[in-house]
Protein backbone atom coordinates (compact mmCIF):
# COMPACT_ATOMS: atom_id res chain seq x y z
CA MET A 1 -34.14 -2.70 -19.35
CA ARG A 2 -31.17 -0.87 -18.95
CA VAL A 3 -29.84 -0.57 -15.56
CA ALA A 4 -26.69 1.37 -13.89
CA ALA A 5 -24.82 0.70 -10.64
CA ILE A 6 -23.00 3.82 -9.65
CA GLN A 7 -20.01 3.68 -7.99
CA THR A 8 -18.99 6.99 -5.86
CA THR A 9 -17.46 8.72 -2.64
CA PRO A 10 -20.14 11.14 -1.21
CA ILE A 11 -19.22 14.31 0.94
CA ALA A 12 -19.48 13.04 4.04
CA LEU A 13 -22.91 14.09 5.90
CA ASP A 14 -23.45 16.72 3.00
CA VAL A 15 -26.99 15.90 1.57
CA GLU A 16 -27.66 19.02 -0.57
CA ARG A 17 -23.79 18.55 -2.86
CA ASN A 18 -24.25 14.81 -2.64
CA ALA A 19 -27.90 14.93 -4.16
CA VAL A 20 -26.55 17.34 -6.83
CA GLU A 21 -24.01 14.99 -7.80
CA HIS A 22 -26.83 12.13 -7.49
CA ALA A 23 -28.59 13.84 -10.22
CA ARG A 24 -25.43 14.37 -12.61
CA LEU A 25 -24.58 10.76 -12.23
CA ILE A 26 -28.16 9.57 -13.07
CA SER A 27 -28.29 11.88 -15.88
CA GLU A 28 -24.79 10.75 -17.44
CA ALA A 29 -25.55 7.04 -16.47
CA ALA A 30 -28.78 7.28 -19.32
CA SER A 31 -30.45 4.04 -17.91
CA ASP A 32 -33.84 3.04 -16.68
CA VAL A 33 -32.89 2.43 -12.89
CA CYS A 34 -29.83 3.34 -11.34
CA VAL A 35 -28.61 2.15 -7.93
CA PHE A 36 -26.77 3.60 -5.40
CA PRO A 37 -24.46 2.55 -2.33
CA GLU A 38 -25.64 2.35 0.96
CA LEU A 39 -26.10 5.53 2.63
CA SER A 40 -25.12 7.27 -0.55
CA LEU A 41 -26.68 10.41 0.54
CA THR A 42 -24.50 11.38 3.61
CA GLY A 43 -21.78 8.54 3.18
CA TYR A 44 -21.72 5.89 5.67
CA GLU A 45 -21.28 8.39 8.47
CA LEU A 46 -22.99 7.15 11.43
CA ASP A 47 -21.47 9.87 14.20
CA PRO A 48 -23.32 12.19 13.97
CA LEU A 49 -26.30 10.28 12.64
CA SER A 50 -28.32 12.95 10.34
CA PRO A 51 -31.68 11.03 9.23
CA ILE A 52 -33.82 12.51 6.62
CA THR A 53 -37.30 12.42 5.64
CA GLU A 54 -38.73 11.26 2.06
CA GLU A 55 -39.98 14.83 2.01
CA ASP A 56 -36.61 16.56 2.32
CA GLY A 57 -36.03 18.98 -0.17
CA ARG A 58 -32.67 18.69 -0.62
CA LEU A 59 -33.87 15.56 -2.71
CA ASP A 60 -35.12 17.99 -5.40
CA PRO A 61 -32.15 17.65 -7.63
CA ILE A 62 -32.87 13.96 -8.16
CA ARG A 63 -36.40 14.21 -8.23
CA GLN A 64 -36.26 16.78 -11.19
CA VAL A 65 -33.82 14.34 -13.15
CA CYS A 66 -35.94 11.36 -12.63
CA ARG A 67 -38.87 13.28 -13.99
CA THR A 68 -36.80 14.85 -16.92
CA ASP A 69 -35.35 11.60 -17.76
CA GLU A 70 -38.03 9.22 -17.00
CA VAL A 71 -35.66 7.23 -14.36
CA TYR A 72 -35.96 5.20 -11.52
CA ALA A 73 -33.26 5.94 -8.74
CA LEU A 74 -32.60 3.78 -5.74
CA ILE A 75 -30.63 6.16 -3.16
CA GLY A 76 -29.08 5.30 0.08
CA ALA A 77 -30.04 7.59 3.25
CA PRO A 78 -30.75 7.22 7.11
CA LEU A 79 -34.31 7.79 6.96
CA SER A 80 -36.32 9.01 9.82
CA THR A 81 -39.50 6.78 10.27
CA PRO A 82 -42.30 6.59 13.45
CA ASP A 83 -40.57 3.75 15.01
CA GLY A 84 -37.08 4.78 14.48
CA PRO A 85 -34.15 5.40 11.89
CA LEU A 86 -33.78 2.90 8.69
CA VAL A 87 -30.62 2.27 6.87
CA ALA A 88 -33.11 2.95 3.76
CA THR A 89 -32.97 3.03 0.43
CA LEU A 90 -35.24 5.19 -1.02
CA VAL A 91 -37.38 4.78 -4.45
CA VAL A 92 -37.60 8.08 -6.57
CA GLY A 93 -39.62 7.22 -9.71
CA PRO A 94 -39.95 8.87 -13.08
CA THR A 95 -43.09 11.17 -11.38
CA GLY A 96 -40.25 12.59 -9.47
CA GLU A 97 -42.08 11.58 -6.63
CA VAL A 98 -40.15 9.07 -3.63
CA LEU A 99 -42.14 5.98 -4.31
CA GLY A 100 -41.44 4.36 -1.15
CA HIS A 101 -38.41 2.80 0.75
CA TYR A 102 -36.79 -0.27 1.63
CA GLY A 103 -35.33 -0.59 5.19
CA LYS A 104 -32.23 -3.03 6.13
CA LYS A 105 -33.35 -6.18 7.39
CA HIS A 106 -30.25 -7.69 8.59
CA LEU A 107 -28.38 -4.82 10.68
CA HIS A 108 -24.28 -5.39 11.59
CA GLY A 109 -22.24 -4.09 14.16
CA VAL A 110 -22.92 -0.80 15.51
CA GLU A 111 -26.19 -0.38 13.25
CA ASN A 112 -27.93 -2.22 15.46
CA GLU A 113 -27.45 0.30 18.17
CA LEU A 114 -28.43 3.16 15.92
CA PHE A 115 -30.95 1.88 13.75
CA VAL A 116 -34.14 -0.20 13.83
CA ALA A 117 -34.36 -3.13 11.13
CA GLY A 118 -36.66 -3.04 8.30
CA ASP A 119 -39.83 -5.17 8.20
CA HIS A 120 -40.62 -5.98 4.69
CA HIS A 121 -39.20 -6.72 1.54
CA LEU A 122 -39.81 -4.53 -1.36
CA VAL A 123 -40.06 -5.67 -5.08
CA LEU A 124 -40.12 -2.54 -7.65
CA GLU A 125 -42.37 -3.25 -10.92
CA VAL A 126 -40.69 -1.54 -14.24
CA ASP A 127 -42.38 -2.43 -17.17
CA ASP A 128 -42.19 -5.93 -17.41
CA TRP A 129 -39.63 -6.29 -14.75
CA ARG A 130 -39.60 -6.94 -11.29
CA PHE A 131 -36.47 -5.64 -9.06
CA GLY A 132 -35.90 -6.88 -5.18
CA VAL A 133 -33.99 -4.53 -3.05
CA ALA A 134 -31.19 -5.37 -0.37
CA VAL A 135 -28.85 -3.06 1.33
CA CYS A 136 -25.21 -4.56 2.08
CA TYR A 137 -25.40 -7.36 4.93
CA ASP A 138 -29.07 -8.66 3.54
CA ALA A 139 -27.34 -10.19 0.84
CA ALA A 140 -24.84 -12.33 3.17
CA VAL A 141 -27.92 -13.65 4.36
CA PRO A 142 -28.90 -16.29 1.81
CA GLU A 143 -32.47 -16.62 3.12
CA HIS A 144 -33.02 -12.43 1.91
CA ALA A 145 -32.47 -13.12 -1.91
CA GLU A 146 -34.17 -16.47 -1.55
CA ALA A 147 -37.24 -14.54 -0.19
CA VAL A 148 -36.47 -11.63 -2.46
CA ARG A 149 -36.74 -14.46 -5.54
CA GLU A 150 -39.45 -16.14 -4.64
CA GLY A 151 -41.44 -12.79 -4.14
CA GLY A 152 -41.04 -12.98 -8.01
CA ALA A 153 -38.18 -10.74 -8.28
CA ASP A 154 -36.08 -11.11 -11.84
CA VAL A 155 -33.43 -8.86 -10.45
CA TYR A 156 -31.99 -8.26 -7.02
CA LEU A 157 -30.62 -4.47 -6.69
CA VAL A 158 -27.81 -4.23 -4.10
CA SER A 159 -26.76 -1.07 -2.18
CA ALA A 160 -23.45 -1.83 -0.26
CA LEU A 161 -20.28 -0.92 1.84
CA PHE A 162 -17.71 -3.24 1.05
CA GLU A 163 -13.96 -2.49 2.77
CA GLU A 164 -10.63 -3.37 1.59
CA GLY A 165 -9.73 -7.14 2.18
CA THR A 166 -13.40 -7.88 1.61
CA GLU A 167 -13.11 -8.30 -2.34
CA GLN A 168 -14.04 -12.06 -2.81
CA ARG A 169 -17.09 -11.56 -0.36
CA LEU A 170 -18.58 -9.26 -2.84
CA VAL A 171 -18.13 -11.61 -5.72
CA ASP A 172 -19.52 -14.40 -3.37
CA GLN A 173 -22.52 -12.50 -2.41
CA ALA A 174 -23.11 -11.57 -5.80
CA THR A 175 -22.83 -14.68 -7.74
CA ALA A 176 -24.81 -16.42 -4.80
CA ALA A 177 -27.93 -14.46 -5.47
CA ALA A 178 -27.25 -14.74 -9.16
CA GLY A 179 -27.25 -18.54 -9.33
CA LEU A 180 -30.95 -18.37 -8.03
CA GLY A 181 -31.29 -16.95 -11.19
CA MET A 182 -31.55 -13.47 -10.98
CA TRP A 183 -29.56 -10.92 -12.55
CA VAL A 184 -27.90 -8.76 -10.01
CA VAL A 185 -26.69 -5.48 -9.79
CA LEU A 186 -24.68 -4.33 -7.04
CA ALA A 187 -23.41 -0.72 -6.28
CA GLN A 188 -21.10 0.17 -3.79
CA TYR A 189 -18.24 3.22 -2.84
CA THR A 190 -15.05 3.82 -4.13
CA GLY A 191 -12.54 5.57 -1.78
CA ARG A 192 -12.73 6.61 1.82
CA THR A 193 -16.34 6.87 3.70
CA GLY A 194 -17.23 6.48 7.56
CA GLY A 195 -13.72 5.35 8.58
CA TYR A 196 -13.45 2.53 6.01
CA ASP A 197 -11.30 2.09 2.76
CA ALA A 198 -13.75 0.96 -0.09
CA PHE A 199 -12.22 -0.85 -2.98
CA GLY A 200 -15.01 -0.50 -5.70
CA GLY A 201 -15.95 -3.49 -7.94
CA SER A 202 -19.62 -2.39 -8.48
CA GLY A 203 -21.05 -4.18 -11.35
CA VAL A 204 -23.44 -6.50 -12.89
CA TRP A 205 -24.42 -10.20 -13.14
CA ARG A 206 -25.91 -12.19 -15.03
CA PRO A 207 -28.18 -14.98 -13.89
CA GLY A 208 -25.90 -18.32 -13.26
CA GLY A 209 -22.78 -15.92 -11.84
CA GLY A 210 -21.56 -14.39 -15.02
CA VAL A 211 -20.00 -11.09 -15.10
CA GLU A 212 -22.20 -8.46 -17.63
CA ALA A 213 -19.88 -5.45 -16.22
CA ARG A 214 -17.66 -4.58 -13.76
CA LEU A 215 -15.96 -1.62 -12.56
CA GLY A 216 -11.91 -1.22 -10.90
CA ARG A 217 -11.42 0.93 -7.97
CA GLU A 218 -12.11 4.58 -9.84
CA PRO A 219 -15.41 6.01 -9.59
CA GLY A 220 -17.89 5.06 -12.25
CA ILE A 221 -21.05 3.41 -13.79
CA ALA A 222 -21.25 -0.19 -14.64
CA ARG A 223 -24.05 -0.17 -16.95
CA ALA A 224 -26.34 -3.13 -18.65
CA THR A 225 -29.01 -3.88 -20.98
CA LEU A 226 -30.96 -6.70 -19.34
CA VAL A 227 -32.61 -9.53 -21.07
CA ARG A 228 -34.63 -12.48 -20.18
CA PRO A 229 -32.38 -15.53 -19.90
């Protein structure tokens, strides 16, 4: 199972151009499952908030590359739902369809005023692997990773934004989930988004906490081939 954590800096609120760049990076990653940062399609831009829908035509470049390359892509976006907007991870599958979404359960700071919390966990099955999904602060709540693991996940996929000064927090959260016996694939930003300066550091951690692949501060792709412990 080939996975990729994709570290990038999106163009603020430009879903169309960001989707094209997502498609290019998915193709470059040459992996079975690709994970992008939190709100990667818009950047962490909350003013104005610009929710999209799962049917948004601007997602077509991503749909196409997932279909052509037979990839699962987990992309971040503010998602419009009947109950209110979610900080969501959309799962685009190898058919080119959005297979579903996960809404961030543990909102943080001003997010509580702008979004509704997700009400379910998502475990994605790909071949014989089960992938649990988290968005940023979810991974700071130990019960989240524990529930995902208890739900049968082999891998914990985290889409995040960590700002300068929180480097150790990123490592602590990744290794805590890995300590439960899961692989951890964490994708976060590099550069500036939404008024925050991100430091990169995306990567893949083995069950137990060892580093399999890790990026520095530059844009890039952390790739790994998962094997059973």
